[in-house]
Amino acid sequence: MKGYIIKFSVLSVAMILSIALAKIFTSYPINSWIYLGIIYLAVLFIAVHYFTLHDDKNNPNKGIRKIMMGTMIRLFATVIFLIISVMNNGKPELGFVLTYLLSFLMFLFFDISEMRSKLRPDLEKSKNNTNA
């Protein structure tokens, strides 16, 4: 879990820095809510990951239900934050919405790649297999 948090923190900082640099070097105004949104997404993904995978000793059916519940919670929490932030800004800004959704997709891709390695470790390629 500690490695997951460190990797997610590095990803979050890289995303925040890239958005800050894009804001500096382009004239397109990006709402400052996006920084809060990225931090919110990072905390949300870490919390859902902990909720779904912290107890590996449970039966497989309960584990699958926890993963599905975590996915639904993540989706609803993401949409709720997006709606609240758009309502607080007055008018919807396409740059903010696209940046937030792309950040969500990046976090989701990273989370799926981390989860995939834990679901079926027995399918990892053998180092002794040298079929060429």
N, C-alpha and C. Protein backbone atom coordinates (compact mmCIF):
# COMPACT_ATOMS: atom_id res chain seq x y z
N MET A 1 0.83 -1.19 0.00
CA MET A 1 0.00 0.00 0.00
C MET A 1 0.87 1.26 0.00
N LYS A 2 2.00 1.19 0.71
CA LYS A 2 2.87 2.34 0.79
C LYS A 2 3.43 2.71 -0.59
N GLY A 3 3.81 1.69 -1.36
CA GLY A 3 4.32 1.94 -2.71
C GLY A 3 3.25 2.55 -3.60
N TYR A 4 2.00 2.10 -3.42
CA TYR A 4 0.89 2.64 -4.19
C TYR A 4 0.69 4.12 -3.89
N ILE A 5 0.76 4.48 -2.63
CA ILE A 5 0.58 5.89 -2.24
C ILE A 5 1.71 6.75 -2.80
N ILE A 6 2.92 6.23 -2.74
CA ILE A 6 4.06 7.00 -3.26
C ILE A 6 3.92 7.20 -4.77
N LYS A 7 3.55 6.14 -5.49
CA LYS A 7 3.39 6.25 -6.94
C LYS A 7 2.26 7.22 -7.29
N PHE A 8 1.16 7.16 -6.55
CA PHE A 8 0.05 8.08 -6.81
C PHE A 8 0.43 9.51 -6.48
N SER A 9 1.21 9.71 -5.43
CA SER A 9 1.66 11.07 -5.08
C SER A 9 2.56 11.64 -6.17
N VAL A 10 3.47 10.83 -6.69
CA VAL A 10 4.36 11.28 -7.75
C VAL A 10 3.54 11.61 -9.00
N LEU A 11 2.58 10.77 -9.33
CA LEU A 11 1.71 11.04 -10.48
C LEU A 11 0.92 12.33 -10.29
N SER A 12 0.41 12.56 -9.09
CA SER A 12 -0.35 13.78 -8.81
C SER A 12 0.51 15.03 -8.93
N VAL A 13 1.71 14.98 -8.38
CA VAL A 13 2.61 16.13 -8.45
C VAL A 13 3.00 16.40 -9.90
N ALA A 14 3.26 15.34 -10.66
CA ALA A 14 3.60 15.52 -12.08
C ALA A 14 2.44 16.15 -12.85
N MET A 15 1.22 15.75 -12.55
CA MET A 15 0.06 16.32 -13.23
C MET A 15 -0.13 17.78 -12.84
N ILE A 16 0.04 18.09 -11.57
CA ILE A 16 -0.12 19.48 -11.12
C ILE A 16 0.95 20.37 -11.76
N LEU A 17 2.18 19.88 -11.80
CA LEU A 17 3.25 20.67 -12.41
C LEU A 17 3.02 20.85 -13.91
N SER A 18 2.56 19.82 -14.58
CA SER A 18 2.31 19.96 -16.02
C SER A 18 1.17 20.94 -16.30
N ILE A 19 0.16 20.94 -15.46
CA ILE A 19 -0.94 21.90 -15.64
C ILE A 19 -0.46 23.32 -15.34
N ALA A 20 0.37 23.46 -14.31
CA ALA A 20 0.91 24.79 -13.99
C ALA A 20 1.77 25.31 -15.13
N LEU A 21 2.60 24.45 -15.70
CA LEU A 21 3.43 24.87 -16.84
C LEU A 21 2.58 25.19 -18.06
N ALA A 22 1.53 24.40 -18.29
CA ALA A 22 0.64 24.69 -19.42
C ALA A 22 -0.07 26.02 -19.22
N LYS A 23 -0.42 26.31 -17.99
CA LYS A 23 -1.09 27.58 -17.69
C LYS A 23 -0.14 28.76 -17.91
N ILE A 24 1.15 28.56 -17.59
CA ILE A 24 2.14 29.62 -17.76
C ILE A 24 2.45 29.87 -19.23
N PHE A 25 2.64 28.79 -19.98
CA PHE A 25 3.11 28.93 -21.36
C PHE A 25 2.01 29.12 -22.40
N THR A 26 0.77 28.90 -22.02
CA THR A 26 -0.32 29.15 -22.96
C THR A 26 -1.17 30.30 -22.45
N SER A 27 -1.92 30.87 -23.33
CA SER A 27 -2.79 31.97 -22.92
C SER A 27 -4.18 31.48 -22.54
N TYR A 28 -4.41 30.16 -22.61
CA TYR A 28 -5.72 29.63 -22.27
C TYR A 28 -5.91 29.60 -20.76
N PRO A 29 -6.93 30.26 -20.26
CA PRO A 29 -7.11 30.31 -18.80
C PRO A 29 -7.66 28.99 -18.27
N ILE A 30 -6.96 28.41 -17.34
CA ILE A 30 -7.41 27.18 -16.68
C ILE A 30 -7.78 27.55 -15.25
N ASN A 31 -8.96 27.15 -14.85
CA ASN A 31 -9.47 27.47 -13.53
C ASN A 31 -8.57 26.87 -12.45
N SER A 32 -8.41 27.57 -11.35
CA SER A 32 -7.54 27.09 -10.28
C SER A 32 -8.18 25.94 -9.49
N TRP A 33 -9.46 25.64 -9.73
CA TRP A 33 -10.11 24.50 -9.09
C TRP A 33 -9.48 23.19 -9.55
N ILE A 34 -8.78 23.20 -10.67
CA ILE A 34 -8.23 21.95 -11.19
C ILE A 34 -7.17 21.37 -10.26
N TYR A 35 -6.43 22.22 -9.57
CA TYR A 35 -5.43 21.73 -8.62
C TYR A 35 -6.10 21.00 -7.46
N LEU A 36 -7.17 21.58 -6.95
CA LEU A 36 -7.95 20.92 -5.90
C LEU A 36 -8.57 19.63 -6.43
N GLY A 37 -8.99 19.65 -7.69
CA GLY A 37 -9.58 18.47 -8.29
C GLY A 37 -8.60 17.31 -8.40
N ILE A 38 -7.35 17.60 -8.74
CA ILE A 38 -6.35 16.54 -8.86
C ILE A 38 -6.02 15.97 -7.48
N ILE A 39 -5.91 16.83 -6.49
CA ILE A 39 -5.66 16.34 -5.13
C ILE A 39 -6.84 15.51 -4.65
N TYR A 40 -8.06 15.97 -4.95
CA TYR A 40 -9.27 15.22 -4.59
C TYR A 40 -9.28 13.85 -5.26
N LEU A 41 -8.93 13.79 -6.54
CA LEU A 41 -8.90 12.51 -7.24
C LEU A 41 -7.86 11.58 -6.65
N ALA A 42 -6.70 12.11 -6.31
CA ALA A 42 -5.65 11.27 -5.72
C ALA A 42 -6.10 10.68 -4.39
N VAL A 43 -6.66 11.51 -3.54
CA VAL A 43 -7.14 11.02 -2.24
C VAL A 43 -8.29 10.02 -2.43
N LEU A 44 -9.17 10.30 -3.36
CA LEU A 44 -10.29 9.40 -3.63
C LEU A 44 -9.80 8.04 -4.12
N PHE A 45 -8.88 8.03 -5.07
CA PHE A 45 -8.38 6.76 -5.59
C PHE A 45 -7.62 5.97 -4.53
N ILE A 46 -6.84 6.65 -3.70
CA ILE A 46 -6.12 5.95 -2.62
C ILE A 46 -7.10 5.37 -1.62
N ALA A 47 -8.13 6.12 -1.25
CA ALA A 47 -9.12 5.63 -0.28
C ALA A 47 -9.90 4.45 -0.84
N VAL A 48 -10.30 4.52 -2.09
CA VAL A 48 -11.05 3.41 -2.69
C VAL A 48 -10.15 2.19 -2.83
N HIS A 49 -8.89 2.39 -3.18
CA HIS A 49 -7.96 1.27 -3.29
C HIS A 49 -7.79 0.59 -1.94
N TYR A 50 -7.65 1.38 -0.89
CA TYR A 50 -7.53 0.81 0.45
C TYR A 50 -8.81 0.06 0.83
N PHE A 51 -9.96 0.63 0.54
CA PHE A 51 -11.24 0.00 0.87
C PHE A 51 -11.41 -1.33 0.14
N THR A 52 -11.02 -1.40 -1.11
CA THR A 52 -11.29 -2.60 -1.89
C THR A 52 -10.24 -3.69 -1.73
N LEU A 53 -8.99 -3.33 -1.48
CA LEU A 53 -7.94 -4.34 -1.49
C LEU A 53 -7.16 -4.48 -0.18
N HIS A 54 -7.62 -3.89 0.91
CA HIS A 54 -6.82 -3.96 2.13
C HIS A 54 -6.91 -5.31 2.82
N ASP A 55 -7.96 -6.10 2.55
CA ASP A 55 -8.12 -7.41 3.20
C ASP A 55 -8.18 -8.48 2.12
N ASP A 56 -7.06 -9.12 1.84
CA ASP A 56 -7.00 -10.12 0.79
C ASP A 56 -7.43 -11.51 1.25
N LYS A 57 -7.75 -11.68 2.52
CA LYS A 57 -8.09 -12.99 3.06
C LYS A 57 -9.57 -13.34 2.89
N ASN A 58 -10.38 -12.41 2.45
CA ASN A 58 -11.81 -12.66 2.28
C ASN A 58 -12.07 -13.62 1.14
N ASN A 59 -13.31 -14.09 1.08
CA ASN A 59 -13.65 -14.96 -0.03
C ASN A 59 -13.72 -14.16 -1.33
N PRO A 60 -13.53 -14.81 -2.48
CA PRO A 60 -13.46 -14.08 -3.76
C PRO A 60 -14.74 -13.32 -4.10
N ASN A 61 -15.91 -13.85 -3.74
CA ASN A 61 -17.15 -13.15 -4.07
C ASN A 61 -17.26 -11.82 -3.33
N LYS A 62 -16.86 -11.81 -2.08
CA LYS A 62 -16.90 -10.57 -1.32
C LYS A 62 -15.89 -9.56 -1.88
N GLY A 63 -14.73 -10.05 -2.31
CA GLY A 63 -13.73 -9.17 -2.91
C GLY A 63 -14.21 -8.52 -4.19
N ILE A 64 -14.89 -9.28 -5.04
CA ILE A 64 -15.43 -8.73 -6.28
C ILE A 64 -16.51 -7.69 -5.99
N ARG A 65 -17.35 -7.97 -5.01
CA ARG A 65 -18.39 -6.98 -4.64
C ARG A 65 -17.76 -5.70 -4.12
N LYS A 66 -16.68 -5.82 -3.33
CA LYS A 66 -16.01 -4.63 -2.81
C LYS A 66 -15.38 -3.82 -3.95
N ILE A 67 -14.81 -4.50 -4.93
CA ILE A 67 -14.22 -3.79 -6.07
C ILE A 67 -15.31 -3.07 -6.87
N MET A 68 -16.44 -3.72 -7.08
CA MET A 68 -17.53 -3.07 -7.81
C MET A 68 -18.11 -1.89 -7.03
N MET A 69 -18.26 -2.05 -5.72
CA MET A 69 -18.74 -0.93 -4.90
C MET A 69 -17.75 0.22 -4.94
N GLY A 70 -16.48 -0.09 -4.86
CA GLY A 70 -15.44 0.94 -4.93
C GLY A 70 -15.47 1.69 -6.25
N THR A 71 -15.69 0.96 -7.33
CA THR A 71 -15.77 1.59 -8.65
C THR A 71 -16.96 2.53 -8.74
N MET A 72 -18.09 2.12 -8.22
CA MET A 72 -19.28 2.98 -8.24
C MET A 72 -19.09 4.21 -7.35
N ILE A 73 -18.52 4.01 -6.17
CA ILE A 73 -18.26 5.14 -5.28
C ILE A 73 -17.32 6.14 -5.94
N ARG A 74 -16.27 5.62 -6.58
CA ARG A 74 -15.30 6.49 -7.27
C ARG A 74 -15.98 7.28 -8.38
N LEU A 75 -16.81 6.62 -9.16
CA LEU A 75 -17.49 7.30 -10.27
C LEU A 75 -18.45 8.37 -9.77
N PHE A 76 -19.27 8.04 -8.78
CA PHE A 76 -20.22 9.03 -8.27
C PHE A 76 -19.51 10.20 -7.59
N ALA A 77 -18.46 9.92 -6.82
CA ALA A 77 -17.73 11.00 -6.15
C ALA A 77 -17.04 11.91 -7.16
N THR A 78 -16.55 11.35 -8.26
CA THR A 78 -15.91 12.15 -9.30
C THR A 78 -16.92 13.06 -9.98
N VAL A 79 -18.08 12.53 -10.30
CA VAL A 79 -19.12 13.33 -10.97
C VAL A 79 -19.66 14.40 -10.02
N ILE A 80 -19.82 14.06 -8.75
CA ILE A 80 -20.32 15.04 -7.78
C ILE A 80 -19.34 16.20 -7.65
N PHE A 81 -18.03 15.92 -7.57
CA PHE A 81 -17.05 17.01 -7.49
C PHE A 81 -17.10 17.86 -8.75
N LEU A 82 -17.22 17.23 -9.90
CA LEU A 82 -17.28 17.98 -11.16
C LEU A 82 -18.50 18.89 -11.20
N ILE A 83 -19.64 18.40 -10.79
CA ILE A 83 -20.86 19.21 -10.79
C ILE A 83 -20.74 20.38 -9.80
N ILE A 84 -20.23 20.10 -8.60
CA ILE A 84 -20.09 21.17 -7.60
C ILE A 84 -19.13 22.24 -8.08
N SER A 85 -18.00 21.83 -8.65
CA SER A 85 -17.03 22.83 -9.09
C SER A 85 -17.53 23.63 -10.28
N VAL A 86 -18.26 23.02 -11.18
CA VAL A 86 -18.82 23.77 -12.32
C VAL A 86 -19.90 24.73 -11.85
N MET A 87 -20.72 24.32 -10.89
CA MET A 87 -21.76 25.21 -10.35
C MET A 87 -21.16 26.39 -9.60
N ASN A 88 -20.06 26.18 -8.90
CA ASN A 88 -19.42 27.27 -8.15
C ASN A 88 -18.74 28.29 -9.06
N ASN A 89 -18.33 27.86 -10.25
CA ASN A 89 -17.63 28.76 -11.16
C ASN A 89 -18.57 29.66 -11.95
N GLY A 90 -19.83 29.40 -11.93
CA GLY A 90 -20.77 30.24 -12.67
C GLY A 90 -21.05 29.71 -14.05
N LYS A 91 -20.08 29.76 -14.93
CA LYS A 91 -20.28 29.22 -16.27
C LYS A 91 -19.33 28.04 -16.47
N PRO A 92 -19.78 27.02 -17.16
CA PRO A 92 -18.91 25.86 -17.38
C PRO A 92 -17.74 26.22 -18.30
N GLU A 93 -16.56 25.87 -17.89
CA GLU A 93 -15.37 26.12 -18.70
C GLU A 93 -14.92 24.79 -19.30
N LEU A 94 -14.80 24.76 -20.60
CA LEU A 94 -14.43 23.54 -21.30
C LEU A 94 -13.03 23.08 -20.90
N GLY A 95 -12.11 24.00 -20.71
CA GLY A 95 -10.75 23.65 -20.33
C GLY A 95 -10.69 22.93 -18.99
N PHE A 96 -11.45 23.41 -18.01
CA PHE A 96 -11.48 22.78 -16.70
C PHE A 96 -12.07 21.39 -16.78
N VAL A 97 -13.20 21.26 -17.47
CA VAL A 97 -13.89 19.97 -17.55
C VAL A 97 -13.01 18.95 -18.27
N LEU A 98 -12.40 19.33 -19.38
CA LEU A 98 -11.55 18.39 -20.11
C LEU A 98 -10.31 18.01 -19.31
N THR A 99 -9.71 18.97 -18.64
CA THR A 99 -8.53 18.67 -17.83
C THR A 99 -8.87 17.75 -16.68
N TYR A 100 -10.00 17.99 -16.04
CA TYR A 100 -10.44 17.14 -14.92
C TYR A 100 -10.74 15.73 -15.41
N LEU A 101 -11.43 15.60 -16.53
CA LEU A 101 -11.76 14.28 -17.04
C LEU A 101 -10.52 13.54 -17.53
N LEU A 102 -9.58 14.24 -18.14
CA LEU A 102 -8.34 13.59 -18.54
C LEU A 102 -7.52 13.17 -17.33
N SER A 103 -7.55 13.96 -16.27
CA SER A 103 -6.87 13.57 -15.03
C SER A 103 -7.51 12.32 -14.44
N PHE A 104 -8.84 12.27 -14.46
CA PHE A 104 -9.54 11.09 -13.99
C PHE A 104 -9.15 9.86 -14.80
N LEU A 105 -9.08 10.00 -16.11
CA LEU A 105 -8.71 8.87 -16.96
C LEU A 105 -7.27 8.43 -16.70
N MET A 106 -6.37 9.37 -16.47
CA MET A 106 -4.98 9.01 -16.16
C MET A 106 -4.90 8.24 -14.84
N PHE A 107 -5.60 8.73 -13.82
CA PHE A 107 -5.63 8.02 -12.54
C PHE A 107 -6.26 6.65 -12.69
N LEU A 108 -7.33 6.56 -13.47
CA LEU A 108 -8.00 5.29 -13.67
C LEU A 108 -7.10 4.30 -14.40
N PHE A 109 -6.40 4.76 -15.42
CA PHE A 109 -5.47 3.90 -16.14
C PHE A 109 -4.38 3.38 -15.21
N PHE A 110 -3.84 4.24 -14.39
CA PHE A 110 -2.81 3.85 -13.43
C PHE A 110 -3.36 2.85 -12.42
N ASP A 111 -4.57 3.10 -11.92
CA ASP A 111 -5.17 2.21 -10.93
C ASP A 111 -5.45 0.84 -11.53
N ILE A 112 -5.94 0.80 -12.75
CA ILE A 112 -6.22 -0.48 -13.39
C ILE A 112 -4.93 -1.25 -13.64
N SER A 113 -3.87 -0.56 -14.03
CA SER A 113 -2.60 -1.25 -14.26
C SER A 113 -2.04 -1.80 -12.94
N GLU A 114 -2.22 -1.08 -11.85
CA GLU A 114 -1.77 -1.57 -10.55
C GLU A 114 -2.64 -2.74 -10.08
N MET A 115 -3.94 -2.66 -10.30
CA MET A 115 -4.85 -3.70 -9.88
C MET A 115 -4.66 -4.98 -10.70
N ARG A 116 -4.36 -4.82 -11.97
CA ARG A 116 -4.19 -5.97 -12.86
C ARG A 116 -3.04 -6.85 -12.39
N SER A 117 -2.01 -6.24 -11.89
CA SER A 117 -0.86 -7.02 -11.44
C SER A 117 -1.16 -7.81 -10.17
N LYS A 118 -2.18 -7.40 -9.41
CA LYS A 118 -2.52 -8.10 -8.18
C LYS A 118 -3.63 -9.14 -8.36
N LEU A 119 -4.41 -9.03 -9.42
CA LEU A 119 -5.54 -9.94 -9.57
C LEU A 119 -5.10 -11.36 -9.91
N ARG A 120 -4.21 -11.51 -10.86
CA ARG A 120 -3.78 -12.83 -11.29
C ARG A 120 -2.26 -12.91 -11.33
N PRO A 121 -1.61 -12.98 -10.18
CA PRO A 121 -0.15 -13.03 -10.20
C PRO A 121 0.39 -14.34 -10.77
N ASP A 122 -0.45 -15.38 -10.80
CA ASP A 122 0.01 -16.65 -11.33
C ASP A 122 0.15 -16.63 -12.85
N LEU A 123 -0.38 -15.60 -13.51
CA LEU A 123 -0.26 -15.50 -14.95
C LEU A 123 0.96 -14.71 -15.41
N GLU A 124 1.79 -14.28 -14.46
CA GLU A 124 3.00 -13.56 -14.83
C GLU A 124 3.89 -14.46 -15.66
N LYS A 125 4.58 -13.87 -16.62
CA LYS A 125 5.47 -14.66 -17.47
C LYS A 125 6.65 -15.21 -16.63
N SER A 126 6.95 -16.41 -16.91
CA SER A 126 8.06 -17.06 -16.23
C SER A 126 9.38 -16.55 -16.79
N LYS A 127 10.35 -16.37 -15.93
CA LYS A 127 11.67 -15.93 -16.39
C LYS A 127 12.41 -17.06 -17.07
N ASN A 128 12.00 -18.31 -16.78
CA ASN A 128 12.66 -19.46 -17.38
C ASN A 128 12.13 -19.78 -18.77
N ASN A 129 11.02 -19.20 -19.14
CA ASN A 129 10.43 -19.46 -20.44
C ASN A 129 11.17 -18.65 -21.50
N THR A 130 11.91 -19.33 -22.35
CA THR A 130 12.72 -18.64 -23.36
C THR A 130 12.30 -19.03 -24.75
N ASN A 131 11.00 -19.08 -25.02
CA ASN A 131 10.52 -19.38 -26.37
C ASN A 131 10.76 -18.17 -27.25
N ALA A 132 11.50 -18.36 -28.32
CA ALA A 132 11.78 -17.24 -29.20
C ALA A 132 11.49 -17.57 -30.63
